[in-house]
Amino acid sequence: MSDPGPRLGFPWWAYALALAFILIFALWPIASVLLTYVVADANGCVVNEASANGCLVAGTDWGGTLYTMGVMGWFGLITLPLGAGAAIVWFISLLIHRLAWQKHKDAEQ
């Protein structure tokens, strides 16, 4: 009887990596807005969507950058639903793959 080779375990790492990418994609606009307001509050600045206000951070005006980062939150209207849909597809794929892998593993024994 020949050795069929090493038995590989279920690729959890691949699913974890895919989930990490989905979460980063979906939550990036929210993280941008949170970082904007953390930096603005720490430096006593006002940030709003109407216009860029001057904001000195370490002697440099970051008002335009903070304004852009704050407005990036609107991308969440796209990324959050897409991320939720991708997470559902991810979960169904994980479930089907795991069940098929277990069935194949049980058939080998």
Protein backbone atom coordinates (compact mmCIF):
# COMPACT_ATOMS: atom_id res chain seq x y z
CA MET A 1 0.00 0.00 0.00
CA SER A 2 1.48 3.37 -0.97
CA ASP A 3 1.39 6.48 1.13
CA PRO A 4 -1.09 9.01 -0.37
CA GLY A 5 1.06 11.90 0.85
CA PRO A 6 0.62 14.36 3.64
CA ARG A 7 -2.90 15.07 4.74
CA LEU A 8 -3.64 18.71 4.63
CA GLY A 9 -5.87 20.32 7.18
CA PHE A 10 -8.73 22.61 6.37
CA PRO A 11 -7.41 25.97 5.05
CA TRP A 12 -8.71 28.19 7.84
CA TRP A 13 -5.93 30.71 7.16
CA ALA A 14 -7.28 31.41 3.66
CA TYR A 15 -10.76 32.08 4.99
CA ALA A 16 -9.40 34.27 7.79
CA LEU A 17 -7.38 36.28 5.27
CA ALA A 18 -10.41 36.70 3.00
CA LEU A 19 -12.54 37.84 5.93
CA ALA A 20 -9.85 40.33 6.97
CA PHE A 21 -9.86 41.84 3.46
CA ILE A 22 -13.66 42.03 3.45
CA LEU A 23 -13.72 43.80 6.83
CA ILE A 24 -10.96 46.23 5.86
CA PHE A 25 -12.76 47.10 2.63
CA ALA A 26 -16.14 47.53 4.31
CA LEU A 27 -14.94 49.50 7.34
CA TRP A 28 -12.23 51.68 5.75
CA PRO A 29 -14.49 54.76 5.30
CA ILE A 30 -15.65 54.51 8.92
CA ALA A 31 -12.05 54.26 10.12
CA SER A 32 -11.18 57.32 8.01
CA VAL A 33 -13.92 59.38 9.63
CA LEU A 34 -13.01 58.22 13.14
CA LEU A 35 -9.35 59.08 12.58
CA THR A 36 -10.37 62.48 11.21
CA TYR A 37 -12.31 63.39 14.33
CA VAL A 38 -9.67 61.97 16.69
CA VAL A 39 -6.98 64.15 15.07
CA ALA A 40 -9.28 67.18 14.88
CA ASP A 41 -10.39 66.91 18.52
CA ALA A 42 -6.83 66.39 19.73
CA ASN A 43 -5.77 69.61 18.00
CA GLY A 44 -8.85 71.72 18.79
CA CYS A 45 -10.06 71.87 15.19
CA VAL A 46 -13.51 71.92 13.66
CA VAL A 47 -14.26 69.54 10.79
CA ASN A 48 -17.50 69.58 8.82
CA GLU A 49 -18.70 68.63 5.35
CA ALA A 50 -19.51 72.18 4.27
CA SER A 51 -15.94 73.28 3.65
CA ALA A 52 -12.36 72.73 4.70
CA ASN A 53 -11.39 74.64 7.84
CA GLY A 54 -7.83 75.41 8.80
CA CYS A 55 -6.35 72.96 11.30
CA LEU A 56 -2.78 73.18 12.51
CA VAL A 57 -1.26 69.82 13.37
CA ALA A 58 2.40 70.00 14.39
CA GLY A 59 2.72 73.40 12.68
CA THR A 60 1.24 72.24 9.36
CA ASP A 61 -2.25 72.99 8.04
CA TRP A 62 -4.09 69.68 7.73
CA GLY A 63 -7.55 71.21 7.21
CA GLY A 64 -7.91 70.06 3.60
CA THR A 65 -6.70 66.55 4.38
CA LEU A 66 -9.04 66.21 7.36
CA TYR A 67 -11.92 67.52 5.27
CA THR A 68 -11.21 64.93 2.55
CA MET A 69 -10.88 62.13 5.09
CA GLY A 70 -14.14 63.19 6.75
CA VAL A 71 -16.06 63.25 3.48
CA MET A 72 -14.68 59.79 2.64
CA GLY A 73 -17.23 58.47 5.13
CA TRP A 74 -19.85 58.74 2.39
CA PHE A 75 -18.15 55.82 0.64
CA GLY A 76 -19.51 53.75 3.51
CA LEU A 77 -22.88 53.89 1.75
CA ILE A 78 -21.27 51.67 -0.88
CA THR A 79 -18.66 49.68 1.03
CA LEU A 80 -20.82 48.61 3.98
CA PRO A 81 -23.55 46.90 1.90
CA LEU A 82 -20.95 45.38 -0.44
CA GLY A 83 -18.98 44.15 2.57
CA ALA A 84 -22.12 42.66 4.12
CA GLY A 85 -22.91 40.85 0.87
CA ALA A 86 -19.32 39.63 0.59
CA ALA A 87 -19.45 38.41 4.20
CA ILE A 88 -22.60 36.41 3.45
CA VAL A 89 -20.96 34.85 0.37
CA TRP A 90 -17.82 34.20 2.46
CA PHE A 91 -19.83 32.41 5.15
CA ILE A 92 -21.78 30.26 2.68
CA SER A 93 -18.54 29.35 0.86
CA LEU A 94 -16.90 28.46 4.15
CA LEU A 95 -19.84 26.31 5.18
CA ILE A 96 -20.03 24.43 1.86
CA HIS A 97 -16.26 23.94 1.69
CA ARG A 98 -16.03 22.73 5.29
CA LEU A 99 -18.90 20.25 4.86
CA ALA A 100 -17.45 18.92 1.59
CA TRP A 101 -13.97 18.68 3.14
CA GLN A 102 -15.33 16.78 6.14
CA LYS A 103 -17.29 14.41 3.88
CA HIS A 104 -14.19 13.73 1.79
CA LYS A 105 -12.08 13.21 4.90
CA ASP A 106 -14.63 10.77 6.35
CA ALA A 107 -14.74 8.86 3.03
CA GLU A 108 -10.95 8.40 3.12
CA GLN A 109 -11.08 6.69 6.49
